[in-house]
Amino acid sequence: MTTRRCVCPGSYDPVTNGHVDVISRASGLFDEVVVAILHNPAKHGTFGIDERTALLEGALGHLPNVRVGSWADTLVVDVCREVGADSMVKGLRGGTDFAYELPMAHMNRHLTGVETLFLTAAPDLQHVSSSLIKEVVRYGGDVSGLVPDDVRVALEERLG
């Protein structure tokens, strides 16, 4: 029997409860989920790769079939090939996300045959994005319930 493995790609700067929800749901559909932190070393995010990895591992520690890794300057389909995944899972918050993601899904399938599966965001998390979370924290807003508690604390220390 072959292992059904998928990749959940993203920058995760920072991980939100929306990300956690999609990854958790993917973990119920696949034998193994590889959470791929994709980054450009020339760009400096709010959190470094080691920090993002630690925050993701903390948020996903309850999911035994999920592992976190990071890749720089590469195509996500090459990550899929490297880890032996035939598909990737991405979350969609709405129509704008779909319009952005659909051409990439077609290109990824064209390049390597990797299929992209879309999971819709939980209704109570559709408005959550990493960039919006950072902006709210910068101006003193409360993001409790929108990010894992460790992430909220780290954001408040870094930006608040």
Protein backbone atom coordinates (compact mmCIF):
# COMPACT_ATOMS: atom_id res chain seq x y z
CA MET A 1 0.00 0.00 0.00
CA THR A 2 1.37 3.43 -0.92
CA THR A 3 1.42 6.38 1.42
CA ARG A 4 -0.95 9.17 0.44
CA ARG A 5 1.13 12.31 1.00
CA CYS A 6 0.37 15.95 0.29
CA VAL A 7 2.17 19.25 0.65
CA CYS A 8 0.56 22.31 2.25
CA PRO A 9 2.74 25.18 1.00
CA GLY A 10 2.90 28.71 2.34
CA SER A 11 5.09 31.39 3.85
CA TYR A 12 3.38 31.04 7.24
CA ASP A 13 4.61 34.44 8.42
CA PRO A 14 2.90 33.86 10.79
CA VAL A 15 0.74 30.75 10.94
CA THR A 16 -2.92 31.57 11.60
CA ASN A 17 -5.82 29.49 12.85
CA GLY A 18 -7.01 29.41 9.24
CA HIS A 19 -3.78 27.64 8.29
CA VAL A 20 -4.14 25.28 11.25
CA ASP A 21 -7.71 24.46 10.22
CA VAL A 22 -6.78 23.62 6.61
CA ILE A 23 -3.75 21.56 7.66
CA SER A 24 -5.80 19.71 10.29
CA ARG A 25 -8.47 18.86 7.72
CA ALA A 26 -5.82 17.76 5.22
CA SER A 27 -4.32 15.47 7.88
CA GLY A 28 -7.64 13.63 7.98
CA LEU A 29 -7.55 13.06 4.21
CA PHE A 30 -3.92 12.01 3.79
CA ASP A 31 -1.56 9.58 5.51
CA GLU A 32 1.08 12.29 5.74
CA VAL A 33 1.02 16.07 5.37
CA VAL A 34 4.22 18.00 4.70
CA VAL A 35 3.84 21.64 5.68
CA ALA A 36 6.28 23.41 3.37
CA ILE A 37 7.51 26.82 4.44
CA LEU A 38 8.54 28.45 1.16
CA HIS A 39 10.74 31.51 1.38
CA ASN A 40 13.08 33.80 -0.45
CA PRO A 41 16.27 34.29 1.59
CA ALA A 42 16.65 37.79 0.12
CA LYS A 43 13.39 38.86 1.78
CA HIS A 44 13.16 39.35 5.52
CA GLY A 45 9.84 38.38 7.01
CA THR A 46 8.45 39.18 10.40
CA PHE A 47 9.73 35.84 11.68
CA GLY A 48 12.81 33.91 10.59
CA ILE A 49 12.51 30.40 9.22
CA ASP A 50 13.50 28.76 12.51
CA GLU A 51 10.86 30.83 14.33
CA ARG A 52 8.17 29.98 11.76
CA THR A 53 9.09 26.30 12.02
CA ALA A 54 8.86 26.35 15.81
CA LEU A 55 5.53 28.21 15.77
CA LEU A 56 4.09 25.76 13.22
CA GLU A 57 5.34 22.74 15.13
CA GLY A 58 3.77 24.12 18.30
CA ALA A 59 0.44 24.75 16.56
CA LEU A 60 0.40 21.36 14.82
CA GLY A 61 1.96 19.15 17.49
CA HIS A 62 -1.35 17.40 18.11
CA LEU A 63 -1.33 16.01 14.53
CA PRO A 64 0.99 12.98 14.43
CA ASN A 65 0.95 12.67 10.62
CA VAL A 66 2.10 16.26 9.96
CA ARG A 67 5.72 17.35 9.55
CA VAL A 68 7.15 20.79 8.90
CA GLY A 69 10.03 21.66 6.59
CA SER A 70 11.40 24.70 4.80
CA TRP A 71 12.59 25.30 1.25
CA ALA A 72 14.16 28.36 -0.35
CA ASP A 73 14.06 29.60 -3.92
CA THR A 74 12.24 26.62 -5.39
CA LEU A 75 9.00 25.70 -7.08
CA VAL A 76 6.43 24.01 -4.88
CA VAL A 77 6.14 21.18 -7.44
CA ASP A 78 9.85 20.48 -6.88
CA VAL A 79 9.13 20.24 -3.15
CA CYS A 80 6.32 17.79 -3.96
CA ARG A 81 8.69 15.70 -6.07
CA GLU A 82 11.37 15.77 -3.35
CA VAL A 83 9.02 14.53 -0.61
CA GLY A 84 7.08 12.12 -2.83
CA ALA A 85 3.74 13.95 -2.83
CA ASP A 86 1.35 13.68 -5.77
CA SER A 87 -0.82 16.53 -4.56
CA MET A 88 -0.86 19.76 -2.65
CA VAL A 89 -3.60 21.24 -0.52
CA LYS A 90 -4.33 24.95 -0.36
CA GLY A 91 -6.95 26.88 1.55
CA LEU A 92 -9.29 29.33 -0.13
CA ARG A 93 -10.90 32.22 1.72
CA GLY A 94 -13.00 33.39 -1.21
CA GLY A 95 -13.24 34.13 -4.91
CA THR A 96 -10.15 36.33 -5.01
CA ASP A 97 -8.01 33.48 -3.64
CA PHE A 98 -9.54 31.11 -6.21
CA ALA A 99 -8.81 33.49 -9.10
CA TYR A 100 -5.19 33.78 -7.91
CA GLU A 101 -4.66 30.05 -7.21
CA LEU A 102 -6.38 28.50 -10.26
CA PRO A 103 -3.75 29.45 -12.88
CA MET A 104 -1.00 28.22 -10.55
CA ALA A 105 -2.82 24.92 -10.07
CA HIS A 106 -3.05 24.48 -13.84
CA MET A 107 0.63 25.33 -14.30
CA ASN A 108 1.72 22.97 -11.54
CA ARG A 109 -0.30 20.15 -13.10
CA HIS A 110 1.14 20.97 -16.52
CA LEU A 111 4.72 20.95 -15.22
CA THR A 112 4.63 17.77 -13.16
CA GLY A 113 1.15 16.28 -12.91
CA VAL A 114 0.83 17.39 -9.28
CA GLU A 115 -2.82 17.98 -8.45
CA THR A 116 -3.94 20.92 -6.32
CA LEU A 117 -6.85 20.36 -3.95
CA PHE A 118 -8.63 23.35 -2.49
CA LEU A 119 -10.23 23.39 0.94
CA THR A 120 -12.53 26.27 1.69
CA ALA A 121 -11.84 28.29 4.80
CA ALA A 122 -13.99 27.82 7.85
CA PRO A 123 -16.63 30.57 7.75
CA ASP A 124 -15.43 32.10 11.02
CA LEU A 125 -11.86 32.37 9.64
CA GLN A 126 -12.48 33.59 6.09
CA HIS A 127 -11.32 37.10 6.93
CA VAL A 128 -8.01 36.00 8.47
CA SER A 129 -4.72 36.53 6.64
CA SER A 130 -1.18 36.74 7.97
CA SER A 131 -0.73 40.27 6.65
CA LEU A 132 -3.98 41.50 8.20
CA ILE A 133 -3.10 39.85 11.52
CA LYS A 134 0.26 41.66 11.58
CA GLU A 135 -1.39 44.99 10.82
CA VAL A 136 -3.94 44.57 13.60
CA VAL A 137 -1.22 43.68 16.12
CA ARG A 138 0.94 46.65 15.00
CA TYR A 139 -1.90 49.00 15.94
CA GLY A 140 -2.69 47.32 19.25
CA GLY A 141 -5.65 45.19 18.21
CA ASP A 142 -6.49 41.84 19.77
CA VAL A 143 -6.02 38.79 17.53
CA SER A 144 -6.98 36.21 20.14
CA GLY A 145 -8.77 33.29 18.55
CA LEU A 146 -7.37 34.13 15.12
CA VAL A 147 -3.85 32.77 15.69
CA PRO A 148 -2.48 30.16 18.10
CA ASP A 149 -1.68 31.68 21.52
CA ASP A 150 2.10 31.25 21.07
CA VAL A 151 1.88 33.15 17.79
CA ARG A 152 -0.15 35.96 19.37
CA VAL A 153 2.46 36.36 22.12
CA ALA A 154 5.34 36.30 19.62
CA LEU A 155 3.60 38.89 17.43
CA GLU A 156 2.89 41.19 20.36
CA GLU A 157 6.54 40.98 21.43
CA ARG A 158 7.78 41.64 17.91
CA LEU A 159 5.25 44.21 16.65
CA GLY A 160 3.10 45.40 19.51
